[in-house]
């Protein structure tokens, strides 16, 4: 599983990481530097596989 956080209004994105703490740290730093940026979106990528049952 990989996670990233995006800031949709200004199109900025955290680094993608397998550890959720890295994107979360980015959000906290970014929010501290830009108090008006308060809407974030977490994006989680999970590899899934589906098999067709016959």
N, C-alpha and C. Protein backbone atom coordinates (compact mmCIF):
# COMPACT_ATOMS: atom_id res chain seq x y z
N UNK A 1 0.84 -1.16 0.00
CA UNK A 1 0.00 0.00 0.00
C UNK A 1 0.89 1.23 0.00
N UNK A 2 0.51 2.22 -0.79
CA UNK A 2 1.22 3.49 -0.83
C UNK A 2 0.22 4.61 -0.55
N UNK A 3 0.70 5.67 0.06
CA UNK A 3 -0.18 6.78 0.39
C UNK A 3 0.45 8.10 -0.05
N UNK A 4 -0.40 9.03 -0.40
CA UNK A 4 0.02 10.39 -0.70
C UNK A 4 -1.12 11.31 -0.27
N UNK A 5 -0.83 12.57 -0.11
CA UNK A 5 -1.84 13.55 0.25
C UNK A 5 -1.78 14.67 -0.77
N UNK A 6 -2.94 15.09 -1.26
CA UNK A 6 -2.95 16.20 -2.21
C UNK A 6 -3.71 17.37 -1.63
N UNK A 7 -3.34 18.52 -2.11
CA UNK A 7 -3.99 19.78 -1.76
C UNK A 7 -4.69 20.23 -3.02
N UNK A 8 -5.99 19.88 -3.19
CA UNK A 8 -6.66 20.07 -4.48
C UNK A 8 -6.77 21.51 -4.96
N UNK A 9 -6.90 22.46 -4.08
CA UNK A 9 -7.14 23.83 -4.52
C UNK A 9 -5.92 24.47 -5.15
N UNK A 10 -4.73 24.09 -4.74
CA UNK A 10 -3.51 24.67 -5.32
C UNK A 10 -2.68 23.62 -6.05
N UNK A 11 -3.19 22.41 -6.18
CA UNK A 11 -2.56 21.32 -6.94
C UNK A 11 -1.17 20.97 -6.46
N UNK A 12 -1.00 20.89 -5.16
CA UNK A 12 0.26 20.45 -4.58
C UNK A 12 0.05 19.06 -4.01
N UNK A 13 1.11 18.25 -4.02
CA UNK A 13 1.00 16.86 -3.57
C UNK A 13 2.22 16.49 -2.74
N UNK A 14 1.98 15.72 -1.70
CA UNK A 14 3.08 15.24 -0.87
C UNK A 14 3.84 14.14 -1.61
N UNK A 15 5.02 13.78 -1.10
CA UNK A 15 5.70 12.63 -1.67
C UNK A 15 4.88 11.36 -1.40
N UNK A 16 4.95 10.41 -2.32
CA UNK A 16 4.28 9.12 -2.13
C UNK A 16 5.18 8.24 -1.27
N UNK A 17 4.57 7.54 -0.33
CA UNK A 17 5.36 6.73 0.59
C UNK A 17 4.58 5.49 1.00
N UNK A 18 5.30 4.45 1.37
CA UNK A 18 4.67 3.25 1.91
C UNK A 18 4.31 3.46 3.38
N UNK A 19 4.90 4.46 3.99
CA UNK A 19 4.64 4.80 5.39
C UNK A 19 3.77 6.05 5.41
N UNK A 20 2.59 5.97 6.03
CA UNK A 20 1.66 7.10 6.01
C UNK A 20 2.21 8.32 6.75
N UNK A 21 3.21 8.13 7.60
CA UNK A 21 3.73 9.25 8.39
C UNK A 21 4.41 10.30 7.52
N UNK A 22 5.06 9.90 6.44
CA UNK A 22 5.75 10.88 5.58
C UNK A 22 4.77 11.86 4.93
N UNK A 23 3.69 11.38 4.27
CA UNK A 23 2.72 12.35 3.74
C UNK A 23 2.04 13.17 4.84
N UNK A 24 1.79 12.55 5.99
CA UNK A 24 1.17 13.27 7.09
C UNK A 24 2.09 14.39 7.59
N UNK A 25 3.38 14.11 7.69
CA UNK A 25 4.34 15.15 8.10
C UNK A 25 4.34 16.30 7.11
N UNK A 26 4.24 15.97 5.81
CA UNK A 26 4.19 17.01 4.78
C UNK A 26 2.98 17.92 5.00
N UNK A 27 1.82 17.31 5.28
CA UNK A 27 0.61 18.10 5.53
C UNK A 27 0.81 19.04 6.71
N UNK A 28 1.35 18.52 7.79
CA UNK A 28 1.53 19.36 8.98
C UNK A 28 2.51 20.50 8.72
N UNK A 29 3.60 20.24 8.01
CA UNK A 29 4.54 21.31 7.67
C UNK A 29 3.88 22.33 6.74
N UNK A 30 3.19 21.83 5.70
CA UNK A 30 2.55 22.71 4.73
C UNK A 30 1.48 23.58 5.39
N UNK A 31 0.69 22.97 6.25
CA UNK A 31 -0.37 23.71 6.94
C UNK A 31 0.23 24.78 7.85
N UNK A 32 1.34 24.46 8.49
CA UNK A 32 2.01 25.44 9.35
C UNK A 32 2.52 26.64 8.56
N UNK A 33 2.99 26.38 7.34
CA UNK A 33 3.52 27.46 6.50
C UNK A 33 2.42 28.21 5.74
N UNK A 34 1.26 27.56 5.54
CA UNK A 34 0.16 28.14 4.76
C UNK A 34 -1.16 27.92 5.50
N UNK A 35 -1.44 28.71 6.54
CA UNK A 35 -2.63 28.48 7.36
C UNK A 35 -3.95 28.53 6.60
N UNK A 36 -3.97 29.18 5.44
CA UNK A 36 -5.22 29.24 4.69
C UNK A 36 -5.47 27.95 3.90
N UNK A 37 -4.46 27.08 3.80
CA UNK A 37 -4.64 25.79 3.12
C UNK A 37 -5.11 24.78 4.14
N UNK A 38 -6.38 24.48 4.14
CA UNK A 38 -6.93 23.60 5.17
C UNK A 38 -7.74 22.43 4.62
N UNK A 39 -7.75 22.23 3.31
CA UNK A 39 -8.47 21.10 2.72
C UNK A 39 -7.46 20.18 2.04
N UNK A 40 -7.35 18.96 2.55
CA UNK A 40 -6.41 17.99 2.02
C UNK A 40 -7.16 16.72 1.64
N UNK A 41 -6.62 15.97 0.71
CA UNK A 41 -7.22 14.71 0.26
C UNK A 41 -6.17 13.62 0.34
N UNK A 42 -6.47 12.55 1.07
CA UNK A 42 -5.55 11.42 1.16
C UNK A 42 -5.83 10.46 0.01
N UNK A 43 -4.79 10.02 -0.66
CA UNK A 43 -4.92 9.08 -1.77
C UNK A 43 -4.17 7.82 -1.38
N UNK A 44 -4.88 6.70 -1.30
CA UNK A 44 -4.28 5.41 -0.94
C UNK A 44 -4.32 4.51 -2.16
N UNK A 45 -3.17 3.92 -2.49
CA UNK A 45 -3.07 3.02 -3.63
C UNK A 45 -2.83 1.62 -3.10
N UNK A 46 -3.76 0.72 -3.38
CA UNK A 46 -3.64 -0.68 -2.96
C UNK A 46 -3.71 -1.56 -4.19
N UNK A 47 -2.74 -2.43 -4.37
CA UNK A 47 -2.83 -3.35 -5.51
C UNK A 47 -3.90 -4.41 -5.23
N UNK A 48 -4.85 -4.55 -6.13
CA UNK A 48 -5.92 -5.54 -5.99
C UNK A 48 -5.93 -6.42 -7.23
N UNK A 49 -6.36 -7.65 -7.07
CA UNK A 49 -6.47 -8.57 -8.18
C UNK A 49 -7.81 -9.28 -8.09
N UNK A 50 -8.44 -9.47 -9.22
CA UNK A 50 -9.73 -10.17 -9.26
C UNK A 50 -9.60 -11.36 -10.21
N UNK A 51 -10.20 -12.48 -9.81
CA UNK A 51 -10.22 -13.66 -10.67
C UNK A 51 -11.65 -13.97 -11.06
N UNK A 52 -11.80 -14.42 -12.24
CA UNK A 52 -13.13 -14.81 -12.73
C UNK A 52 -13.36 -16.27 -12.38
N UNK A 53 -14.45 -16.50 -11.67
CA UNK A 53 -14.78 -17.88 -11.26
C UNK A 53 -15.59 -18.54 -12.38
N UNK A 54 -15.18 -19.73 -12.78
CA UNK A 54 -15.90 -20.44 -13.86
C UNK A 54 -16.59 -21.66 -13.35
